Amino acid sequence: MDESPNSTFVRGPMREVAIEGACPLCGLPSLVLRSLPLEIPYFGDALQTTVLCESCSFRHADLILTTERAPVRYELRLESEADLDARVVRSSSGTIRVPELGVAVEPGLRAEAFVSNAEGVLRRVRDIAGFGFRAAETPAARRKAQAAIAKIEAMIDGHRPFTLIVEDPTGNSAILHDRAIKTILTERQARRLKRAMPEFRVAD
């Protein structure tokens, strides 16, 4: 999980327990769950969880807020370099959108939770675009990826305004900024969003 030292405070010891079931990557019954209680300033108590396979490289991290929350959407218009410091909390069920890029980072099997800022989110999107550029099979696809990278670089430098949207059916994601617009999603809107991987059972 991506987190800066000043963004979270550890509230207790890390715990580790075995998990029933097979690893979704290698199929072996060697999963463990590590959990660490945290406090996120301006957001409340949370639990950082990491599922690890002791037989392969599988790893799945999440951030769970300990208070019940409604499905939510945050939107922030970023217009200056200073706005890039806006804190972003994303659980593994959170979807991040940058409409100006036509980008949506959605939950998947290996979706990672993180606490970062708007600049950190852009750098993650740039990494994805960089992979798309390297994997492009046609000149047109490479040009498209290269143009996206140039736009992202301008956003990181504070020269290109953009909109950042975070949506989460579990309510465990947020944009922490005084100009961020928070909207509670309807059940229908929440059902349209993708969610993280299925839950695991803790072994007796």
N, C-alpha and C. Protein backbone atom coordinates (compact mmCIF):
# COMPACT_ATOMS: atom_id res chain seq x y z
N MET A 1 0.83 -1.19 0.00
CA MET A 1 0.00 0.00 0.00
C MET A 1 0.87 1.24 0.00
N ASP A 2 0.50 2.22 -0.77
CA ASP A 2 1.26 3.45 -0.90
C ASP A 2 0.78 4.44 0.14
N GLU A 3 1.65 4.83 1.06
CA GLU A 3 1.23 5.78 2.08
C GLU A 3 2.43 6.57 2.54
N SER A 4 2.28 7.87 2.74
CA SER A 4 3.37 8.68 3.23
C SER A 4 3.37 8.66 4.74
N PRO A 5 4.53 8.87 5.41
CA PRO A 5 4.60 8.81 6.85
C PRO A 5 3.68 9.79 7.54
N ASN A 6 3.38 10.92 6.90
CA ASN A 6 2.56 11.93 7.53
C ASN A 6 1.07 11.74 7.29
N SER A 7 0.70 10.74 6.49
CA SER A 7 -0.70 10.61 6.11
C SER A 7 -1.47 9.67 7.03
N THR A 8 -0.80 8.76 7.73
CA THR A 8 -1.48 7.80 8.57
C THR A 8 -0.73 7.61 9.88
N PHE A 9 -1.47 7.15 10.90
CA PHE A 9 -0.86 6.84 12.18
C PHE A 9 -1.23 5.41 12.55
N VAL A 10 -0.26 4.61 12.97
CA VAL A 10 -0.51 3.24 13.38
C VAL A 10 -1.18 3.25 14.74
N ARG A 11 -2.27 2.48 14.88
CA ARG A 11 -3.06 2.48 16.11
C ARG A 11 -2.87 1.23 16.95
N GLY A 12 -2.15 0.25 16.44
CA GLY A 12 -1.99 -0.99 17.19
C GLY A 12 -1.05 -1.93 16.47
N PRO A 13 -0.84 -3.14 17.03
CA PRO A 13 0.10 -4.09 16.44
C PRO A 13 -0.46 -4.76 15.19
N MET A 14 0.44 -5.21 14.33
CA MET A 14 0.04 -5.99 13.16
C MET A 14 -0.32 -7.40 13.61
N ARG A 15 -1.40 -7.94 13.05
CA ARG A 15 -1.82 -9.31 13.35
C ARG A 15 -1.77 -10.15 12.07
N GLU A 16 -1.51 -11.43 12.23
CA GLU A 16 -1.44 -12.33 11.08
C GLU A 16 -2.19 -13.62 11.39
N VAL A 17 -3.06 -14.03 10.46
CA VAL A 17 -3.82 -15.27 10.61
C VAL A 17 -3.83 -16.01 9.29
N ALA A 18 -4.01 -17.33 9.36
CA ALA A 18 -4.13 -18.14 8.15
C ALA A 18 -5.53 -17.99 7.57
N ILE A 19 -5.64 -18.17 6.26
CA ILE A 19 -6.91 -18.03 5.55
C ILE A 19 -7.26 -19.35 4.88
N GLU A 20 -8.54 -19.73 4.97
CA GLU A 20 -8.99 -20.93 4.27
C GLU A 20 -9.07 -20.67 2.77
N GLY A 21 -8.89 -21.73 2.00
CA GLY A 21 -9.03 -21.61 0.56
C GLY A 21 -7.70 -21.55 -0.17
N ALA A 22 -7.79 -21.68 -1.48
CA ALA A 22 -6.59 -21.72 -2.32
C ALA A 22 -6.23 -20.33 -2.83
N CYS A 23 -4.95 -20.13 -3.07
CA CYS A 23 -4.47 -18.89 -3.66
C CYS A 23 -5.05 -18.75 -5.07
N PRO A 24 -5.60 -17.59 -5.44
CA PRO A 24 -6.16 -17.43 -6.79
C PRO A 24 -5.11 -17.42 -7.89
N LEU A 25 -3.82 -17.32 -7.51
CA LEU A 25 -2.76 -17.28 -8.52
C LEU A 25 -2.13 -18.65 -8.74
N CYS A 26 -1.71 -19.30 -7.64
CA CYS A 26 -1.01 -20.59 -7.78
C CYS A 26 -1.87 -21.79 -7.38
N GLY A 27 -2.99 -21.55 -6.70
CA GLY A 27 -3.89 -22.64 -6.35
C GLY A 27 -3.54 -23.38 -5.07
N LEU A 28 -2.46 -23.01 -4.40
CA LEU A 28 -2.06 -23.70 -3.17
C LEU A 28 -2.73 -23.08 -1.94
N PRO A 29 -2.99 -23.89 -0.91
CA PRO A 29 -3.65 -23.39 0.31
C PRO A 29 -2.65 -22.74 1.27
N SER A 30 -2.06 -21.64 0.87
CA SER A 30 -0.99 -21.04 1.68
C SER A 30 -1.17 -19.53 1.83
N LEU A 31 -2.43 -19.11 2.05
CA LEU A 31 -2.72 -17.69 2.20
C LEU A 31 -2.69 -17.27 3.67
N VAL A 32 -2.19 -16.07 3.91
CA VAL A 32 -2.24 -15.47 5.24
C VAL A 32 -2.79 -14.05 5.12
N LEU A 33 -3.42 -13.60 6.18
CA LEU A 33 -3.97 -12.25 6.23
C LEU A 33 -3.25 -11.45 7.30
N ARG A 34 -2.69 -10.32 6.91
CA ARG A 34 -2.07 -9.40 7.85
C ARG A 34 -2.94 -8.16 7.97
N SER A 35 -3.18 -7.71 9.19
CA SER A 35 -4.01 -6.53 9.40
C SER A 35 -3.32 -5.57 10.35
N LEU A 36 -3.49 -4.28 10.08
CA LEU A 36 -2.85 -3.24 10.88
C LEU A 36 -3.84 -2.09 11.07
N PRO A 37 -4.23 -1.78 12.32
CA PRO A 37 -5.15 -0.66 12.55
C PRO A 37 -4.46 0.68 12.36
N LEU A 38 -5.11 1.58 11.64
CA LEU A 38 -4.55 2.90 11.33
C LEU A 38 -5.55 4.00 11.65
N GLU A 39 -5.04 5.20 11.75
CA GLU A 39 -5.89 6.39 11.79
C GLU A 39 -5.47 7.30 10.65
N ILE A 40 -6.43 7.66 9.80
CA ILE A 40 -6.16 8.56 8.68
C ILE A 40 -6.70 9.94 9.06
N PRO A 41 -5.84 10.93 9.20
CA PRO A 41 -6.31 12.27 9.58
C PRO A 41 -7.44 12.76 8.68
N TYR A 42 -8.46 13.35 9.29
CA TYR A 42 -9.63 13.91 8.62
C TYR A 42 -10.56 12.84 8.05
N PHE A 43 -10.23 11.56 8.26
CA PHE A 43 -11.04 10.51 7.67
C PHE A 43 -11.44 9.45 8.68
N GLY A 44 -10.67 9.28 9.75
CA GLY A 44 -11.06 8.36 10.80
C GLY A 44 -10.23 7.09 10.86
N ASP A 45 -10.70 6.16 11.71
CA ASP A 45 -10.01 4.89 11.90
C ASP A 45 -10.19 3.98 10.69
N ALA A 46 -9.16 3.20 10.41
CA ALA A 46 -9.19 2.29 9.26
C ALA A 46 -8.38 1.04 9.59
N LEU A 47 -8.55 0.03 8.78
CA LEU A 47 -7.80 -1.21 8.92
C LEU A 47 -7.10 -1.50 7.60
N GLN A 48 -5.77 -1.55 7.64
CA GLN A 48 -4.99 -1.92 6.46
C GLN A 48 -4.87 -3.44 6.46
N THR A 49 -5.32 -4.07 5.39
CA THR A 49 -5.24 -5.53 5.29
C THR A 49 -4.41 -5.93 4.08
N THR A 50 -3.66 -6.99 4.23
CA THR A 50 -2.86 -7.53 3.13
C THR A 50 -2.98 -9.04 3.12
N VAL A 51 -3.44 -9.60 2.02
CA VAL A 51 -3.49 -11.05 1.84
C VAL A 51 -2.27 -11.46 1.04
N LEU A 52 -1.49 -12.38 1.59
CA LEU A 52 -0.25 -12.83 0.95
C LEU A 52 -0.29 -14.33 0.76
N CYS A 53 0.32 -14.79 -0.32
CA CYS A 53 0.53 -16.23 -0.51
C CYS A 53 1.98 -16.55 -0.18
N GLU A 54 2.17 -17.53 0.69
CA GLU A 54 3.53 -17.90 1.09
C GLU A 54 4.21 -18.80 0.08
N SER A 55 3.48 -19.15 -1.00
CA SER A 55 4.05 -20.04 -2.01
C SER A 55 4.36 -19.34 -3.33
N CYS A 56 3.78 -18.15 -3.53
CA CYS A 56 4.03 -17.44 -4.79
C CYS A 56 4.03 -15.94 -4.52
N SER A 57 3.90 -15.15 -5.57
CA SER A 57 4.01 -13.70 -5.45
C SER A 57 2.67 -13.01 -5.23
N PHE A 58 1.59 -13.76 -5.05
CA PHE A 58 0.28 -13.13 -4.92
C PHE A 58 0.24 -12.23 -3.69
N ARG A 59 -0.33 -11.03 -3.89
CA ARG A 59 -0.48 -10.05 -2.80
C ARG A 59 -1.68 -9.18 -3.10
N HIS A 60 -2.53 -8.99 -2.12
CA HIS A 60 -3.70 -8.13 -2.31
C HIS A 60 -3.88 -7.26 -1.07
N ALA A 61 -3.76 -5.94 -1.24
CA ALA A 61 -3.88 -5.01 -0.13
C ALA A 61 -5.20 -4.25 -0.21
N ASP A 62 -5.73 -3.90 0.95
CA ASP A 62 -6.96 -3.12 0.98
C ASP A 62 -6.93 -2.18 2.17
N LEU A 63 -7.82 -1.21 2.13
CA LEU A 63 -7.97 -0.24 3.20
C LEU A 63 -9.45 -0.18 3.55
N ILE A 64 -9.79 -0.55 4.77
CA ILE A 64 -11.18 -0.65 5.19
C ILE A 64 -11.44 0.35 6.30
N LEU A 65 -12.39 1.24 6.08
CA LEU A 65 -12.78 2.18 7.13
C LEU A 65 -13.68 1.45 8.12
N THR A 66 -13.46 1.70 9.40
CA THR A 66 -14.15 0.92 10.43
C THR A 66 -15.55 1.44 10.73
N THR A 67 -15.92 2.59 10.20
CA THR A 67 -17.28 3.09 10.36
C THR A 67 -18.07 2.82 9.08
N GLU A 68 -19.36 2.53 9.25
CA GLU A 68 -20.20 2.21 8.10
C GLU A 68 -20.39 3.45 7.23
N ARG A 69 -20.21 3.31 5.93
CA ARG A 69 -20.32 4.45 5.02
C ARG A 69 -21.16 4.09 3.81
N ALA A 70 -21.79 5.10 3.26
CA ALA A 70 -22.63 4.92 2.08
C ALA A 70 -21.77 4.95 0.82
N PRO A 71 -22.26 4.35 -0.28
CA PRO A 71 -21.53 4.43 -1.55
C PRO A 71 -21.38 5.90 -1.95
N VAL A 72 -20.21 6.24 -2.46
CA VAL A 72 -19.90 7.66 -2.58
C VAL A 72 -19.14 7.99 -3.86
N ARG A 73 -19.25 9.25 -4.26
CA ARG A 73 -18.51 9.78 -5.41
C ARG A 73 -17.91 11.12 -4.99
N TYR A 74 -16.60 11.28 -5.24
CA TYR A 74 -15.92 12.54 -5.00
C TYR A 74 -15.43 13.09 -6.33
N GLU A 75 -15.55 14.40 -6.50
CA GLU A 75 -15.06 15.05 -7.73
C GLU A 75 -14.31 16.32 -7.35
N LEU A 76 -13.14 16.50 -7.95
CA LEU A 76 -12.34 17.69 -7.69
C LEU A 76 -11.74 18.20 -8.99
N ARG A 77 -11.91 19.49 -9.22
CA ARG A 77 -11.28 20.15 -10.37
C ARG A 77 -9.94 20.70 -9.91
N LEU A 78 -8.86 20.25 -10.54
CA LEU A 78 -7.51 20.67 -10.17
C LEU A 78 -7.00 21.65 -11.21
N GLU A 79 -6.63 22.84 -10.76
CA GLU A 79 -6.27 23.91 -11.69
C GLU A 79 -4.88 24.49 -11.45
N SER A 80 -4.19 24.02 -10.43
CA SER A 80 -2.85 24.55 -10.14
C SER A 80 -1.96 23.45 -9.60
N GLU A 81 -0.67 23.73 -9.54
CA GLU A 81 0.28 22.75 -9.01
C GLU A 81 -0.01 22.46 -7.55
N ALA A 82 -0.47 23.47 -6.79
CA ALA A 82 -0.78 23.27 -5.38
C ALA A 82 -1.92 22.28 -5.19
N ASP A 83 -2.86 22.24 -6.13
CA ASP A 83 -3.99 21.32 -6.03
C ASP A 83 -3.55 19.87 -6.09
N LEU A 84 -2.37 19.60 -6.64
CA LEU A 84 -1.89 18.23 -6.78
C LEU A 84 -1.58 17.60 -5.43
N ASP A 85 -1.54 18.41 -4.36
CA ASP A 85 -1.32 17.88 -3.02
C ASP A 85 -2.58 17.31 -2.39
N ALA A 86 -3.72 17.43 -3.05
CA ALA A 86 -4.98 16.91 -2.52
C ALA A 86 -4.83 15.43 -2.18
N ARG A 87 -5.18 15.05 -0.95
CA ARG A 87 -5.02 13.67 -0.50
C ARG A 87 -6.08 12.79 -1.13
N VAL A 88 -5.68 11.62 -1.61
CA VAL A 88 -6.58 10.66 -2.23
C VAL A 88 -6.49 9.34 -1.47
N VAL A 89 -7.62 8.87 -0.97
CA VAL A 89 -7.71 7.57 -0.30
C VAL A 89 -8.49 6.66 -1.23
N ARG A 90 -7.87 5.57 -1.65
CA ARG A 90 -8.54 4.65 -2.56
C ARG A 90 -8.51 3.23 -2.00
N SER A 91 -9.68 2.65 -1.74
CA SER A 91 -9.75 1.25 -1.33
C SER A 91 -9.67 0.39 -2.58
N SER A 92 -9.59 -0.92 -2.40
CA SER A 92 -9.49 -1.80 -3.57
C SER A 92 -10.80 -1.85 -4.36
N SER A 93 -11.87 -1.27 -3.81
CA SER A 93 -13.15 -1.19 -4.53
C SER A 93 -13.35 0.17 -5.19
N GLY A 94 -12.37 1.05 -5.08
CA GLY A 94 -12.50 2.39 -5.63
C GLY A 94 -12.18 2.46 -7.12
N THR A 95 -12.96 3.25 -7.84
CA THR A 95 -12.71 3.53 -9.26
C THR A 95 -12.23 4.97 -9.39
N ILE A 96 -11.14 5.17 -10.11
CA ILE A 96 -10.59 6.51 -10.32
C ILE A 96 -10.77 6.88 -11.79
N ARG A 97 -11.28 8.08 -12.03
CA ARG A 97 -11.49 8.54 -13.41
C ARG A 97 -10.83 9.90 -13.62
N VAL A 98 -10.25 10.07 -14.81
CA VAL A 98 -9.75 11.37 -15.27
C VAL A 98 -10.40 11.59 -16.63
N PRO A 99 -11.55 12.27 -16.68
CA PRO A 99 -12.31 12.40 -17.93
C PRO A 99 -11.51 12.99 -19.08
N GLU A 100 -10.62 13.94 -18.79
CA GLU A 100 -9.84 14.57 -19.86
C GLU A 100 -8.92 13.59 -20.57
N LEU A 101 -8.60 12.49 -19.90
CA LEU A 101 -7.75 11.47 -20.51
C LEU A 101 -8.56 10.28 -21.01
N GLY A 102 -9.85 10.25 -20.68
CA GLY A 102 -10.66 9.09 -21.01
C GLY A 102 -10.22 7.86 -20.25
N VAL A 103 -9.71 8.07 -19.03
CA VAL A 103 -9.11 6.99 -18.24
C VAL A 103 -10.02 6.61 -17.08
N ALA A 104 -10.17 5.31 -16.85
CA ALA A 104 -10.85 4.79 -15.66
C ALA A 104 -10.00 3.66 -15.09
N VAL A 105 -9.52 3.83 -13.87
CA VAL A 105 -8.76 2.78 -13.18
C VAL A 105 -9.75 2.07 -12.27
N GLU A 106 -10.12 0.84 -12.66
CA GLU A 106 -11.18 0.12 -11.96
C GLU A 106 -10.63 -1.03 -11.13
N PRO A 107 -11.41 -1.50 -10.15
CA PRO A 107 -10.98 -2.64 -9.33
C PRO A 107 -10.82 -3.90 -10.18
N GLY A 108 -9.92 -4.74 -9.74
CA GLY A 108 -9.69 -6.02 -10.39
C GLY A 108 -9.17 -7.02 -9.38
N LEU A 109 -8.76 -8.18 -9.86
CA LEU A 109 -8.31 -9.24 -8.97
C LEU A 109 -7.16 -8.79 -8.09
N ARG A 110 -6.25 -7.98 -8.65
CA ARG A 110 -5.08 -7.56 -7.89
C ARG A 110 -5.10 -6.05 -7.61
N ALA A 111 -6.29 -5.50 -7.51
CA ALA A 111 -6.42 -4.07 -7.21
C ALA A 111 -5.82 -3.77 -5.84
N GLU A 112 -5.05 -2.69 -5.76
CA GLU A 112 -4.37 -2.31 -4.53
C GLU A 112 -5.00 -1.06 -3.94
N ALA A 113 -5.20 -1.07 -2.63
CA ALA A 113 -5.61 0.15 -1.94
C ALA A 113 -4.39 1.03 -1.72
N PHE A 114 -4.60 2.34 -1.64
CA PHE A 114 -3.47 3.22 -1.35
C PHE A 114 -3.95 4.55 -0.77
N VAL A 115 -3.06 5.20 -0.07
CA VAL A 115 -3.25 6.59 0.37
C VAL A 115 -2.15 7.39 -0.31
N SER A 116 -2.53 8.34 -1.15
CA SER A 116 -1.55 9.10 -1.91
C SER A 116 -2.07 10.53 -2.08
N ASN A 117 -1.63 11.21 -3.12
CA ASN A 117 -2.19 12.51 -3.46
C ASN A 117 -2.49 12.53 -4.96
N ALA A 118 -3.06 13.64 -5.44
CA ALA A 118 -3.46 13.70 -6.84
C ALA A 118 -2.28 13.49 -7.78
N GLU A 119 -1.12 14.03 -7.41
CA GLU A 119 0.07 13.82 -8.24
C GLU A 119 0.43 12.34 -8.30
N GLY A 120 0.36 11.66 -7.15
CA GLY A 120 0.65 10.23 -7.13
C GLY A 120 -0.29 9.44 -8.00
N VAL A 121 -1.57 9.84 -8.03
CA VAL A 121 -2.54 9.18 -8.90
C VAL A 121 -2.15 9.37 -10.36
N LEU A 122 -1.77 10.59 -10.73
CA LEU A 122 -1.35 10.84 -12.11
C LEU A 122 -0.14 10.01 -12.49
N ARG A 123 0.79 9.86 -11.58
CA ARG A 123 1.98 9.06 -11.87
C ARG A 123 1.62 7.59 -12.08
N ARG A 124 0.64 7.10 -11.34
CA ARG A 124 0.17 5.73 -11.56
C ARG A 124 -0.46 5.59 -12.95
N VAL A 125 -1.27 6.60 -13.32
CA VAL A 125 -1.89 6.57 -14.65
C VAL A 125 -0.83 6.67 -15.74
N ARG A 126 0.21 7.48 -15.50
CA ARG A 126 1.30 7.59 -16.47
C ARG A 126 2.01 6.26 -16.64
N ASP A 127 2.20 5.53 -15.55
CA ASP A 127 2.83 4.21 -15.64
C ASP A 127 2.01 3.27 -16.51
N ILE A 128 0.68 3.34 -16.35
CA ILE A 128 -0.20 2.50 -17.16
C ILE A 128 -0.09 2.89 -18.64
N ALA A 129 -0.07 4.20 -18.90
CA ALA A 129 0.07 4.67 -20.29
C ALA A 129 1.42 4.26 -20.87
N GLY A 130 2.46 4.29 -20.03
CA GLY A 130 3.78 3.86 -20.48
C GLY A 130 3.80 2.39 -20.87
N PHE A 131 3.09 1.58 -20.09
CA PHE A 131 2.98 0.16 -20.45
C PHE A 131 2.24 0.01 -21.78
N GLY A 132 1.17 0.82 -21.96
CA GLY A 132 0.43 0.76 -23.22
C GLY A 132 1.30 1.16 -24.41
N PHE A 133 2.19 2.13 -24.20
CA PHE A 133 3.10 2.55 -25.27
C PHE A 133 4.06 1.42 -25.63
N ARG A 134 4.62 0.77 -24.62
CA ARG A 134 5.58 -0.32 -24.88
C ARG A 134 4.91 -1.54 -25.51
N ALA A 135 3.64 -1.74 -25.17
CA ALA A 135 2.94 -2.92 -25.69
C ALA A 135 2.23 -2.65 -27.01
N ALA A 136 2.23 -1.40 -27.47
CA ALA A 136 1.52 -1.04 -28.70
C ALA A 136 2.06 -1.80 -29.89
N GLU A 137 1.15 -2.28 -30.72
CA GLU A 137 1.55 -3.09 -31.87
C GLU A 137 1.49 -2.33 -33.18
N THR A 138 0.94 -1.11 -33.16
CA THR A 138 0.84 -0.32 -34.39
C THR A 138 1.35 1.10 -34.12
N PRO A 139 1.81 1.79 -35.16
CA PRO A 139 2.24 3.19 -34.99
C PRO A 139 1.12 4.07 -34.43
N ALA A 140 -0.11 3.84 -34.85
CA ALA A 140 -1.23 4.65 -34.38
C ALA A 140 -1.43 4.46 -32.87
N ALA A 141 -1.32 3.23 -32.40
CA ALA A 141 -1.48 2.95 -30.97
C ALA A 141 -0.36 3.60 -30.17
N ARG A 142 0.85 3.58 -30.72
CA ARG A 142 1.98 4.21 -30.03
C ARG A 142 1.81 5.72 -29.96
N ARG A 143 1.33 6.31 -31.04
CA ARG A 143 1.10 7.77 -31.05
C ARG A 143 0.03 8.15 -30.03
N LYS A 144 -1.02 7.35 -29.94
CA LYS A 144 -2.09 7.62 -28.98
C LYS A 144 -1.57 7.56 -27.55
N ALA A 145 -0.78 6.53 -27.25
CA ALA A 145 -0.22 6.39 -25.90
C ALA A 145 0.76 7.52 -25.60
N GLN A 146 1.55 7.89 -26.60
CA GLN A 146 2.53 8.97 -26.41
C GLN A 146 1.82 10.30 -26.15
N ALA A 147 0.71 10.55 -26.84
CA ALA A 147 -0.05 11.78 -26.63
C ALA A 147 -0.65 11.81 -25.23
N ALA A 148 -1.12 10.65 -24.76
CA ALA A 148 -1.67 10.57 -23.40
C ALA A 148 -0.59 10.86 -22.36
N ILE A 149 0.60 10.32 -22.57
CA ILE A 149 1.71 10.56 -21.63
C ILE A 149 2.07 12.04 -21.59
N ALA A 150 2.07 12.70 -22.75
CA ALA A 150 2.37 14.14 -22.80
C ALA A 150 1.33 14.95 -22.02
N LYS A 151 0.06 14.57 -22.15
CA LYS A 151 -1.00 15.26 -21.39
C LYS A 151 -0.80 15.07 -19.89
N ILE A 152 -0.48 13.84 -19.50
CA ILE A 152 -0.30 13.54 -18.07
C ILE A 152 0.88 14.32 -17.51
N GLU A 153 1.97 14.41 -18.27
CA GLU A 153 3.14 15.17 -17.82
C GLU A 153 2.77 16.64 -17.60
N ALA A 154 1.96 17.20 -18.51
CA ALA A 154 1.53 18.59 -18.35
C ALA A 154 0.65 18.76 -17.11
N MET A 155 -0.17 17.76 -16.82
CA MET A 155 -1.00 17.80 -15.60
C MET A 155 -0.13 17.74 -14.35
N ILE A 156 0.88 16.86 -14.37
CA ILE A 156 1.79 16.73 -13.22
C ILE A 156 2.54 18.03 -12.97
N ASP A 157 2.88 18.73 -14.05
CA ASP A 157 3.60 20.01 -13.93
C ASP A 157 2.69 21.17 -13.55
N GLY A 158 1.37 20.91 -13.46
CA GLY A 158 0.43 21.95 -13.11
C GLY A 158 0.06 22.88 -14.24
N HIS A 159 0.36 22.47 -15.49
CA HIS A 159 0.12 23.32 -16.65
C HIS A 159 -1.19 22.99 -17.37
N ARG A 160 -1.83 21.90 -16.96
CA ARG A 160 -3.05 21.47 -17.66
C ARG A 160 -4.11 21.10 -16.62
N PRO A 161 -5.17 21.91 -16.46
CA PRO A 161 -6.22 21.59 -15.50
C PRO A 161 -6.91 20.27 -15.86
N PHE A 162 -7.42 19.59 -14.85
CA PHE A 162 -8.12 18.33 -15.09
C PHE A 162 -9.07 18.05 -13.93
N THR A 163 -9.92 17.07 -14.14
CA THR A 163 -10.90 16.67 -13.14
C THR A 163 -10.56 15.28 -12.63
N LEU A 164 -10.57 15.12 -11.32
CA LEU A 164 -10.31 13.82 -10.70
C LEU A 164 -11.59 13.35 -10.03
N ILE A 165 -12.00 12.14 -10.37
CA ILE A 165 -13.22 11.55 -9.81
C ILE A 165 -12.87 10.23 -9.13
N VAL A 166 -13.37 10.03 -7.92
CA VAL A 166 -13.20 8.78 -7.20
C VAL A 166 -14.58 8.28 -6.80
N GLU A 167 -14.90 7.04 -7.16
CA GLU A 167 -16.19 6.43 -6.82
C GLU A 167 -15.94 5.12 -6.09
N ASP A 168 -16.79 4.83 -5.10
CA ASP A 168 -16.59 3.60 -4.33
C ASP A 168 -17.93 3.11 -3.79
N PRO A 169 -18.36 1.89 -4.18
CA PRO A 169 -19.64 1.36 -3.69
C PRO A 169 -19.60 1.03 -2.21
N THR A 170 -18.40 0.90 -1.63
CA THR A 170 -18.28 0.60 -0.20
C THR A 170 -18.10 1.86 0.65
N GLY A 171 -17.91 3.01 0.01
CA GLY A 171 -17.71 4.25 0.74
C GLY A 171 -16.35 4.40 1.38
N ASN A 172 -15.41 3.53 1.01
CA ASN A 172 -14.09 3.51 1.65
C ASN A 172 -13.02 4.29 0.90
N SER A 173 -13.41 5.11 -0.08
CA SER A 173 -12.46 5.94 -0.83
C SER A 173 -12.88 7.40 -0.71
N ALA A 174 -11.93 8.31 -0.93
CA ALA A 174 -12.26 9.73 -0.80
C ALA A 174 -11.19 10.60 -1.43
N ILE A 175 -11.56 11.84 -1.75
CA ILE A 175 -10.62 12.91 -2.06
C ILE A 175 -10.73 13.91 -0.92
N LEU A 176 -9.65 14.12 -0.19
CA LEU A 176 -9.67 14.99 0.98
C LEU A 176 -9.17 16.38 0.59
N HIS A 177 -10.12 17.24 0.24
CA HIS A 177 -9.80 18.62 -0.17
C HIS A 177 -11.04 19.46 0.05
N ASP A 178 -10.86 20.72 0.46
CA ASP A 178 -12.02 21.54 0.79
C ASP A 178 -12.89 21.88 -0.41
N ARG A 179 -12.38 21.71 -1.64
CA ARG A 179 -13.19 21.97 -2.83
C ARG A 179 -13.76 20.69 -3.43
N ALA A 180 -13.42 19.55 -2.87
CA ALA A 180 -13.94 18.29 -3.41
C ALA A 180 -15.45 18.21 -3.19
N ILE A 181 -16.16 17.81 -4.23
CA ILE A 181 -17.62 17.68 -4.17
C ILE A 181 -17.96 16.22 -3.87
N LYS A 182 -18.65 16.00 -2.75
CA LYS A 182 -19.03 14.65 -2.33
C LYS A 182 -20.49 14.41 -2.65
N THR A 183 -20.77 13.27 -3.31
CA THR A 183 -22.14 12.89 -3.66
C THR A 183 -22.40 11.47 -3.19
N ILE A 184 -23.50 11.25 -2.48
CA ILE A 184 -23.89 9.90 -2.09
C ILE A 184 -24.56 9.23 -3.29
N LEU A 185 -24.09 8.05 -3.65
CA LEU A 185 -24.62 7.34 -4.81
C LEU A 185 -25.90 6.59 -4.45
N THR A 186 -26.79 6.47 -5.42
CA THR A 186 -27.97 5.63 -5.24
C THR A 186 -27.56 4.16 -5.33
N GLU A 187 -28.43 3.28 -4.89
CA GLU A 187 -28.14 1.84 -4.97
C GLU A 187 -27.90 1.43 -6.42
N ARG A 188 -28.68 1.99 -7.33
CA ARG A 188 -28.52 1.65 -8.75
C ARG A 188 -27.17 2.10 -9.26
N GLN A 189 -26.75 3.31 -8.91
CA GLN A 189 -25.44 3.81 -9.34
C GLN A 189 -24.32 2.96 -8.75
N ALA A 190 -24.46 2.57 -7.49
CA ALA A 190 -23.43 1.78 -6.82
C ALA A 190 -23.29 0.40 -7.46
N ARG A 191 -24.41 -0.19 -7.87
CA ARG A 191 -24.37 -1.52 -8.48
C ARG A 191 -23.62 -1.52 -9.81
N ARG A 192 -23.56 -0.38 -10.47
CA ARG A 192 -22.88 -0.31 -11.77
C ARG A 192 -21.36 -0.30 -11.62
N LEU A 193 -20.88 -0.02 -10.43
CA LEU A 193 -19.43 0.06 -10.21
C LEU A 193 -18.85 -1.32 -9.96
N LYS A 194 -17.63 -1.51 -10.42
CA LYS A 194 -16.93 -2.76 -10.16
C LYS A 194 -16.46 -2.79 -8.71
N ARG A 195 -16.30 -4.00 -8.19
CA ARG A 195 -15.83 -4.17 -6.82
C ARG A 195 -14.53 -4.96 -6.82
N ALA A 196 -13.93 -5.03 -5.64
CA ALA A 196 -12.67 -5.76 -5.48
C ALA A 196 -12.93 -7.26 -5.53
N MET A 197 -11.84 -8.03 -5.36
CA MET A 197 -11.92 -9.48 -5.39
C MET A 197 -12.80 -10.00 -4.26
N PRO A 198 -13.32 -11.24 -4.35
CA PRO A 198 -14.16 -11.81 -3.31
C PRO A 198 -13.43 -11.88 -1.97
N GLU A 199 -14.22 -11.89 -0.89
CA GLU A 199 -13.65 -11.99 0.44
C GLU A 199 -13.11 -13.40 0.70
N PHE A 200 -12.13 -13.49 1.61
CA PHE A 200 -11.59 -14.76 2.04
C PHE A 200 -12.14 -15.10 3.43
N ARG A 201 -12.16 -16.37 3.77
CA ARG A 201 -12.55 -16.81 5.11
C ARG A 201 -11.31 -17.08 5.94
N VAL A 202 -11.34 -16.63 7.18
CA VAL A 202 -10.23 -16.89 8.09
C VAL A 202 -10.35 -18.30 8.63
N ALA A 203 -9.25 -19.04 8.62
CA ALA A 203 -9.26 -20.42 9.10
C ALA A 203 -9.47 -20.46 10.60
N ASP A 204 -10.12 -21.53 11.09
CA ASP A 204 -10.33 -21.71 12.53
C ASP A 204 -9.02 -22.04 13.23
